[in-house]
Structures are given as C-alpha cells and as structure tokens.
Amino acid sequence: MNDATLFCLDEKRRHQVRLEGYNGLDYLEVSEDQLQLSVYLLDKVPATLVELIKEDKKKNTAKAVKHFRISGGRRVSGIQIIDVTVCQQRDPEMDDCLVLTVDRPGDFSPYTLCLVALDEDGRPTDQPYPNFDPRYACLDFSFKENCPNDLDCRDVPVCPPELPDEPEINYLAKDYASFRQLILDRLATIMPDWQERHVPDLGITLVELLA
C-alpha cells in the first residue's frame, strides 16, 4: 500500500487529518451486484459537492460524476461512474458516505478510486478535490472483495511437519559405565515417567545387561 492510497481506518489518523482541517477517502464497500460503491469519508461530504449533486438531480445533468475517477483493471477497464448520491448520517458523530453507481462490474484485478478537482473547462485533473489531503484523495479497492477468486490462485503454503528433537548421543561411550549412562539418558527422554534407579529394578537390570 503506497502513501497515496492509505486506508485510514484507525481513529488516530482520522483525528489527525481532521485537526489539520482536511478531508479524505476512508474506505469503501462494494454492493453484492458490484454496481454500487459506498464510499466513506474522513469527514462530512463537502457542501460544494452536495450542492452539485442536488443540482444534477434537479437539472438532470452529470457534473458531480466528473469529480470521480476509476482506474485500473485488466480484462475490464475504463469503468464509468453514472450516478452519485449522498448518504448523510443522522448521527453527527458518524461520517457521511457517497454512493457511486458504475456502468459495469470490474474484474479481479485492483482498481483505484480518486476524488479530483476540475479545471476551468470542467474537465477532471490530477489534483485532489479542494480541501482533500493528497494522501487520502485516492484509495485502492477490488470489485471482487466478497467473491471467491478461482483464477490465478496462489498455492497455500504447507508447513513441513515439525521434526522431533534429536537425542543427544555420546558417541565417545566405549565402556560399561558410559554405555549404561547413555542408555539411562535415552530412556529419560522417551520414558520421562520412569525414574527408578535402584539396582533390583527390572528396568535397571535390562539397562545393565545391554551395557
């Protein structure tokens, strides 16, 4: 994730952007039919954009959609936004959102949504919308975030089984005493509950016999 498309979901960064007097794109949700994007902002929807959206509804124009740009896509590119509405929250503590309607769903590749300013001729520019932090004027998303992707799947790594601890073997054991201790050490590893060390014990007898 680069600086221009940071997802700002934690309250600390949200608060910092607000303190600086800026707005920005926070995150978005894709509808089930993948034709609508609910875009949440770090603050309220700018009044200028709200008025422009209202004007579009009254005059049946499409000026507000020019402020939004979707780029990316491999098989499906050039996606156009055909409608913008505001979903204003009743709770003043909650941030507003914008619902963008697109002309068609995208593919499984990543896309980028930007909210940009217009030039004097009403054409989109590469500059962020007025009073928007440049770092939060764009965000990356996927139309298929809620869909299983059966294409170009990456193999799930399989962890190798854990190897058992290698026993510490004294390869210098050459006499009775050292072989006896070697066997007892090994039994202590594989039979930790067996603590008998008295000579009359059958286990000790077998150890000494093997040694």
C-alpha atoms as a PDB file:
ATOM      1  CA  MET A   1       0.000   0.000   0.000  1.00  0.00           C
ATOM      2  CA  ASN A   2       1.526   3.343  -1.030  1.00  0.00           C
ATOM      3  CA  ASP A   3       1.205   6.758   0.586  1.00  0.00           C
ATOM      4  CA  ALA A   4      -1.382   7.944  -1.938  1.00  0.00           C
ATOM      5  CA  THR A   5      -3.826   5.166  -1.214  1.00  0.00           C
ATOM      6  CA  LEU A   6      -3.617   4.595   2.506  1.00  0.00           C
ATOM      7  CA  PHE A   7      -6.659   3.128   4.152  1.00  0.00           C
ATOM      8  CA  CYS A   8      -7.270   5.344   7.160  1.00  0.00           C
ATOM      9  CA  LEU A   9      -9.377   3.141   9.401  1.00  0.00           C
ATOM     10  CA  ASP A  10      -7.820   3.884  12.773  1.00  0.00           C
ATOM     11  CA  GLU A  11      -9.116   6.767  14.824  1.00  0.00           C
ATOM     12  CA  LYS A  12      -5.692   8.284  15.429  1.00  0.00           C
ATOM     13  CA  ARG A  13      -5.032   9.049  11.781  1.00  0.00           C
ATOM     14  CA  ARG A  14      -8.641  10.110  11.222  1.00  0.00           C
ATOM     15  CA  HIS A  15      -8.374  12.554  14.098  1.00  0.00           C
ATOM     16  CA  GLN A  16      -5.058  13.932  12.846  1.00  0.00           C
ATOM     17  CA  VAL A  17      -6.419  14.619   9.353  1.00  0.00           C
ATOM     18  CA  ARG A  18      -9.410  16.413  10.856  1.00  0.00           C
ATOM     19  CA  LEU A  19      -7.201  18.512  13.109  1.00  0.00           C
ATOM     20  CA  GLU A  20      -5.309  19.681  10.045  1.00  0.00           C
ATOM     21  CA  GLY A  21      -8.608  20.789   8.502  1.00  0.00           C
ATOM     22  CA  TYR A  22      -8.569  18.286   5.665  1.00  0.00           C
ATOM     23  CA  ASN A  23     -10.937  15.640   4.390  1.00  0.00           C
ATOM     24  CA  GLY A  24     -10.265  12.390   2.562  1.00  0.00           C
ATOM     25  CA  LEU A  25     -11.468   8.996   1.422  1.00  0.00           C
ATOM     26  CA  ASP A  26     -11.537   6.468   4.240  1.00  0.00           C
ATOM     27  CA  TYR A  27     -12.732   3.166   2.760  1.00  0.00           C
ATOM     28  CA  LEU A  28     -15.460   1.788   0.519  1.00  0.00           C
ATOM     29  CA  GLU A  29     -17.848  -1.145   0.371  1.00  0.00           C
ATOM     30  CA  VAL A  30     -18.930  -2.942  -2.806  1.00  0.00           C
ATOM     31  CA  SER A  31     -22.567  -3.981  -3.240  1.00  0.00           C
ATOM     32  CA  GLU A  32     -23.493  -7.588  -3.956  1.00  0.00           C
ATOM     33  CA  ASP A  33     -24.228  -6.843  -7.614  1.00  0.00           C
ATOM     34  CA  GLN A  34     -20.908  -4.919  -7.780  1.00  0.00           C
ATOM     35  CA  LEU A  35     -22.600  -1.931  -9.407  1.00  0.00           C
ATOM     36  CA  GLN A  36     -22.530   0.392  -6.397  1.00  0.00           C
ATOM     37  CA  LEU A  37     -19.646   1.640  -4.279  1.00  0.00           C
ATOM     38  CA  SER A  38     -20.403   3.093  -0.845  1.00  0.00           C
ATOM     39  CA  VAL A  39     -17.502   5.455  -0.243  1.00  0.00           C
ATOM     40  CA  TYR A  40     -16.936   6.652   3.335  1.00  0.00           C
ATOM     41  CA  LEU A  41     -15.100   9.891   4.034  1.00  0.00           C
ATOM     42  CA  LEU A  42     -12.971  11.031   6.928  1.00  0.00           C
ATOM     43  CA  ASP A  43     -15.383  13.915   7.470  1.00  0.00           C
ATOM     44  CA  LYS A  44     -18.676  15.199   6.123  1.00  0.00           C
ATOM     45  CA  VAL A  45     -19.281  15.358   2.379  1.00  0.00           C
ATOM     46  CA  PRO A  46     -18.144  18.822   1.204  1.00  0.00           C
ATOM     47  CA  ALA A  47     -21.047  21.243   0.897  1.00  0.00           C
ATOM     48  CA  THR A  48     -19.952  22.202  -2.612  1.00  0.00           C
ATOM     49  CA  LEU A  49     -20.174  18.586  -3.725  1.00  0.00           C
ATOM     50  CA  VAL A  50     -23.559  18.126  -2.042  1.00  0.00           C
ATOM     51  CA  GLU A  51     -24.945  21.163  -3.865  1.00  0.00           C
ATOM     52  CA  LEU A  52     -23.527  19.919  -7.149  1.00  0.00           C
ATOM     53  CA  ILE A  53     -25.189  16.530  -6.664  1.00  0.00           C
ATOM     54  CA  LYS A  54     -28.512  18.230  -5.866  1.00  0.00           C
ATOM     55  CA  GLU A  55     -28.176  20.384  -8.963  1.00  0.00           C
ATOM     56  CA  ASP A  56     -27.580  17.287 -11.090  1.00  0.00           C
ATOM     57  CA  LYS A  57     -30.775  15.734  -9.743  1.00  0.00           C
ATOM     58  CA  LYS A  58     -32.840  18.839 -10.487  1.00  0.00           C
ATOM     59  CA  LYS A  59     -31.428  19.597 -13.931  1.00  0.00           C
ATOM     60  CA  ASN A  60     -30.699  16.008 -14.957  1.00  0.00           C
ATOM     61  CA  THR A  61     -27.038  16.848 -15.508  1.00  0.00           C
ATOM     62  CA  ALA A  62     -23.908  14.848 -14.672  1.00  0.00           C
ATOM     63  CA  LYS A  63     -21.379  17.308 -13.301  1.00  0.00           C
ATOM     64  CA  ALA A  64     -20.683  15.609  -9.965  1.00  0.00           C
ATOM     65  CA  VAL A  65     -19.563  12.320 -11.525  1.00  0.00           C
ATOM     66  CA  LYS A  66     -16.708  14.145 -13.273  1.00  0.00           C
ATOM     67  CA  HIS A  67     -15.024  14.564  -9.891  1.00  0.00           C
ATOM     68  CA  PHE A  68     -14.663  10.792  -9.546  1.00  0.00           C
ATOM     69  CA  ARG A  69     -12.225   8.672 -11.500  1.00  0.00           C
ATOM     70  CA  ILE A  70     -11.774   4.882 -11.506  1.00  0.00           C
ATOM     71  CA  SER A  71      -8.583   3.494 -12.991  1.00  0.00           C
ATOM     72  CA  GLY A  72      -7.083   0.028 -13.170  1.00  0.00           C
ATOM     73  CA  GLY A  73      -8.411  -3.306 -14.306  1.00  0.00           C
ATOM     74  CA  ARG A  74      -7.025  -5.866 -16.729  1.00  0.00           C
ATOM     75  CA  ARG A  75      -9.874  -7.527 -18.593  1.00  0.00           C
ATOM     76  CA  VAL A  76     -12.356  -4.800 -17.601  1.00  0.00           C
ATOM     77  CA  SER A  77     -11.089  -1.226 -17.693  1.00  0.00           C
ATOM     78  CA  GLY A  78     -12.480   2.223 -18.406  1.00  0.00           C
ATOM     79  CA  ILE A  79     -15.284   1.825 -15.869  1.00  0.00           C
ATOM     80  CA  GLN A  80     -17.515   4.897 -15.767  1.00  0.00           C
ATOM     81  CA  ILE A  81     -19.464   6.359 -12.844  1.00  0.00           C
ATOM     82  CA  ILE A  82     -23.004   7.131 -13.959  1.00  0.00           C
ATOM     83  CA  ASP A  83     -24.575   8.422 -10.736  1.00  0.00           C
ATOM     84  CA  VAL A  84     -23.621   9.867  -7.344  1.00  0.00           C
ATOM     85  CA  THR A  85     -25.825  10.194  -4.270  1.00  0.00           C
ATOM     86  CA  VAL A  86     -25.143  11.248  -0.692  1.00  0.00           C
ATOM     87  CA  CYS A  87     -25.999   9.023   2.267  1.00  0.00           C
ATOM     88  CA  GLN A  88     -25.889  11.531   5.103  1.00  0.00           C
ATOM     89  CA  GLN A  89     -25.784  10.084   8.603  1.00  0.00           C
ATOM     90  CA  ARG A  90     -28.258  11.230  11.232  1.00  0.00           C
ATOM     91  CA  ASP A  91     -25.657  10.838  13.949  1.00  0.00           C
ATOM     92  CA  PRO A  92     -23.373  13.912  13.801  1.00  0.00           C
ATOM     93  CA  GLU A  93     -20.500  11.803  15.137  1.00  0.00           C
ATOM     94  CA  MET A  94     -20.671   9.481  12.127  1.00  0.00           C
ATOM     95  CA  ASP A  95     -19.115  10.347   8.795  1.00  0.00           C
ATOM     96  CA  ASP A  96     -21.173  10.658   5.640  1.00  0.00           C
ATOM     97  CA  CYS A  97     -20.733   8.479   2.601  1.00  0.00           C
ATOM     98  CA  LEU A  98     -21.209   8.707  -1.144  1.00  0.00           C
ATOM     99  CA  VAL A  99     -22.897   6.005  -3.194  1.00  0.00           C
ATOM    100  CA  LEU A 100     -21.375   5.712  -6.655  1.00  0.00           C
ATOM    101  CA  THR A 101     -23.165   3.739  -9.364  1.00  0.00           C
ATOM    102  CA  VAL A 102     -20.929   2.305 -12.093  1.00  0.00           C
ATOM    103  CA  ASP A 103     -21.792   1.138 -15.594  1.00  0.00           C
ATOM    104  CA  ARG A 104     -20.412  -2.390 -15.103  1.00  0.00           C
ATOM    105  CA  PRO A 105     -18.557  -4.515 -12.548  1.00  0.00           C
ATOM    106  CA  GLY A 106     -14.799  -4.839 -12.672  1.00  0.00           C
ATOM    107  CA  ASP A 107     -12.634  -7.944 -12.746  1.00  0.00           C
ATOM    108  CA  PHE A 108     -10.469  -9.493 -10.034  1.00  0.00           C
ATOM    109  CA  SER A 109      -7.582  -7.067 -10.522  1.00  0.00           C
ATOM    110  CA  PRO A 110      -7.117  -3.986  -8.295  1.00  0.00           C
ATOM    111  CA  TYR A 111      -8.731  -0.638  -9.060  1.00  0.00           C
ATOM    112  CA  THR A 112      -8.152   2.880  -7.763  1.00  0.00           C
ATOM    113  CA  LEU A 113     -10.845   5.441  -6.999  1.00  0.00           C
ATOM    114  CA  CYS A 114      -9.891   9.122  -6.850  1.00  0.00           C
ATOM    115  CA  LEU A 115     -11.850  12.250  -5.978  1.00  0.00           C
ATOM    116  CA  VAL A 116     -10.332  15.001  -8.112  1.00  0.00           C
ATOM    117  CA  ALA A 117     -10.750  18.680  -8.897  1.00  0.00           C
ATOM    118  CA  LEU A 118     -11.922  20.020 -12.264  1.00  0.00           C
ATOM    119  CA  ASP A 119     -10.216  22.609 -14.428  1.00  0.00           C
ATOM    120  CA  GLU A 120     -11.822  25.812 -15.704  1.00  0.00           C
ATOM    121  CA  ASP A 121     -13.391  23.906 -18.580  1.00  0.00           C
ATOM    122  CA  GLY A 122     -14.965  21.335 -16.253  1.00  0.00           C
ATOM    123  CA  ARG A 123     -12.543  18.541 -17.107  1.00  0.00           C
ATOM    124  CA  PRO A 124     -11.026  16.196 -14.475  1.00  0.00           C
ATOM    125  CA  THR A 125      -7.468  16.947 -13.364  1.00  0.00           C
ATOM    126  CA  ASP A 126      -4.813  15.036 -11.437  1.00  0.00           C
ATOM    127  CA  GLN A 127      -5.258  17.321  -8.424  1.00  0.00           C
ATOM    128  CA  PRO A 128      -7.277  16.225  -5.373  1.00  0.00           C
ATOM    129  CA  TYR A 129     -10.676  17.714  -4.656  1.00  0.00           C
ATOM    130  CA  PRO A 130     -10.412  21.057  -2.801  1.00  0.00           C
ATOM    131  CA  ASN A 131      -9.527  20.681   0.884  1.00  0.00           C
ATOM    132  CA  PHE A 132      -8.758  16.971   0.489  1.00  0.00           C
ATOM    133  CA  ASP A 133      -5.485  15.626   1.853  1.00  0.00           C
ATOM    134  CA  PRO A 134      -3.491  14.405  -1.193  1.00  0.00           C
ATOM    135  CA  ARG A 135      -2.633  11.209   0.704  1.00  0.00           C
ATOM    136  CA  TYR A 136      -6.321  10.360   1.063  1.00  0.00           C
ATOM    137  CA  ALA A 137      -7.696  11.594  -2.259  1.00  0.00           C
ATOM    138  CA  CYS A 138      -7.392   8.073  -3.715  1.00  0.00           C
ATOM    139  CA  LEU A 139      -7.840   4.555  -2.423  1.00  0.00           C
ATOM    140  CA  ASP A 140      -7.368   1.080  -3.845  1.00  0.00           C
ATOM    141  CA  PHE A 141     -10.187  -1.447  -3.857  1.00  0.00           C
ATOM    142  CA  SER A 142     -11.452  -4.616  -5.504  1.00  0.00           C
ATOM    143  CA  PHE A 143     -14.855  -5.234  -7.036  1.00  0.00           C
ATOM    144  CA  LYS A 144     -14.469  -8.891  -6.037  1.00  0.00           C
ATOM    145  CA  GLU A 145     -13.543  -8.394  -2.385  1.00  0.00           C
ATOM    146  CA  ASN A 146     -16.515 -10.516  -1.302  1.00  0.00           C
ATOM    147  CA  CYS A 147     -16.164 -13.131  -4.047  1.00  0.00           C
ATOM    148  CA  PRO A 148     -14.063 -16.304  -4.058  1.00  0.00           C
ATOM    149  CA  ASN A 149     -11.328 -15.996  -6.639  1.00  0.00           C
ATOM    150  CA  ASP A 150     -10.743 -19.252  -8.507  1.00  0.00           C
ATOM    151  CA  LEU A 151      -8.406 -17.648 -11.031  1.00  0.00           C
ATOM    152  CA  ASP A 152      -4.713 -17.043 -10.583  1.00  0.00           C
ATOM    153  CA  CYS A 153      -4.866 -18.568  -7.134  1.00  0.00           C
ATOM    154  CA  ARG A 154      -1.653 -18.695  -5.223  1.00  0.00           C
ATOM    155  CA  ASP A 155      -0.847 -22.024  -3.654  1.00  0.00           C
ATOM    156  CA  VAL A 156      -1.426 -22.092   0.064  1.00  0.00           C
ATOM    157  CA  PRO A 157       1.929 -22.768   1.705  1.00  0.00           C
ATOM    158  CA  VAL A 158       2.068 -26.068   3.532  1.00  0.00           C
ATOM    159  CA  CYS A 159       4.183 -26.079   6.642  1.00  0.00           C
ATOM    160  CA  PRO A 160       6.514 -29.055   6.919  1.00  0.00           C
ATOM    161  CA  PRO A 161       5.952 -31.274   9.936  1.00  0.00           C
ATOM    162  CA  GLU A 162       7.942 -30.383  12.981  1.00  0.00           C
ATOM    163  CA  LEU A 163      10.964 -32.588  13.376  1.00  0.00           C
ATOM    164  CA  PRO A 164      11.358 -34.295  16.737  1.00  0.00           C
ATOM    165  CA  ASP A 165      14.214 -33.233  18.930  1.00  0.00           C
ATOM    166  CA  GLU A 166      17.358 -35.119  18.093  1.00  0.00           C
ATOM    167  CA  PRO A 167      18.617 -37.135  21.046  1.00  0.00           C
ATOM    168  CA  GLU A 168      21.979 -36.136  22.433  1.00  0.00           C
ATOM    169  CA  ILE A 169      24.110 -39.227  21.941  1.00  0.00           C
ATOM    170  CA  ASN A 170      27.544 -39.581  23.431  1.00  0.00           C
ATOM    171  CA  TYR A 171      29.497 -41.164  20.610  1.00  0.00           C
ATOM    172  CA  LEU A 172      32.531 -41.457  22.883  1.00  0.00           C
ATOM    173  CA  ALA A 173      30.863 -44.153  25.007  1.00  0.00           C
ATOM    174  CA  LYS A 174      33.129 -47.194  24.911  1.00  0.00           C
ATOM    175  CA  ASP A 175      32.903 -48.927  28.281  1.00  0.00           C
ATOM    176  CA  TYR A 176      30.240 -50.306  30.588  1.00  0.00           C
ATOM    177  CA  ALA A 177      29.770 -47.161  32.678  1.00  0.00           C
ATOM    178  CA  SER A 178      29.448 -44.818  29.693  1.00  0.00           C
ATOM    179  CA  PHE A 179      27.073 -47.165  27.816  1.00  0.00           C
ATOM    180  CA  ARG A 180      24.970 -47.546  30.974  1.00  0.00           C
ATOM    181  CA  GLN A 181      24.679 -43.763  31.342  1.00  0.00           C
ATOM    182  CA  LEU A 182      23.933 -43.398  27.622  1.00  0.00           C
ATOM    183  CA  ILE A 183      21.005 -45.816  27.837  1.00  0.00           C
ATOM    184  CA  LEU A 184      19.667 -44.169  31.002  1.00  0.00           C
ATOM    185  CA  ASP A 185      19.825 -40.728  29.358  1.00  0.00           C
ATOM    186  CA  ARG A 186      17.927 -42.005  26.344  1.00  0.00           C
ATOM    187  CA  LEU A 187      15.249 -43.648  28.489  1.00  0.00           C
ATOM    188  CA  ALA A 188      14.836 -40.396  30.431  1.00  0.00           C
ATOM    189  CA  THR A 189      13.918 -38.732  27.123  1.00  0.00           C
ATOM    190  CA  ILE A 190      11.470 -41.300  25.779  1.00  0.00           C
ATOM    191  CA  MET A 191      10.169 -42.512  29.176  1.00  0.00           C
ATOM    192  CA  PRO A 192      10.234 -39.447  31.445  1.00  0.00           C
ATOM    193  CA  ASP A 193       7.865 -41.081  33.951  1.00  0.00           C
ATOM    194  CA  TRP A 194      10.316 -43.876  34.672  1.00  0.00           C
ATOM    195  CA  GLN A 195      12.527 -42.600  37.476  1.00  0.00           C
ATOM    196  CA  GLU A 196      13.634 -45.885  39.057  1.00  0.00           C
ATOM    197  CA  ARG A 197      17.373 -46.146  39.551  1.00  0.00           C
ATOM    198  CA  HIS A 198      17.675 -48.956  42.124  1.00  0.00           C
ATOM    199  CA  VAL A 199      19.683 -51.980  41.076  1.00  0.00           C
ATOM    200  CA  PRO A 200      16.951 -54.557  41.904  1.00  0.00           C
ATOM    201  CA  ASP A 201      14.579 -52.873  39.420  1.00  0.00           C
ATOM    202  CA  LEU A 202      13.921 -54.905  36.277  1.00  0.00           C
ATOM    203  CA  GLY A 203      14.494 -51.871  34.073  1.00  0.00           C
ATOM    204  CA  ILE A 204      17.898 -51.210  35.627  1.00  0.00           C
ATOM    205  CA  THR A 205      18.744 -54.881  35.221  1.00  0.00           C
ATOM    206  CA  LEU A 206      17.967 -54.737  31.497  1.00  0.00           C
ATOM    207  CA  VAL A 207      19.956 -51.497  31.125  1.00  0.00           C
ATOM    208  CA  GLU A 208      22.987 -53.047  32.769  1.00  0.00           C
ATOM    209  CA  LEU A 209      22.568 -56.187  30.684  1.00  0.00           C
ATOM    210  CA  LEU A 210      22.566 -54.158  27.467  1.00  0.00           C
ATOM    211  CA  ALA A 211      25.516 -52.067  28.649  1.00  0.00           C
END
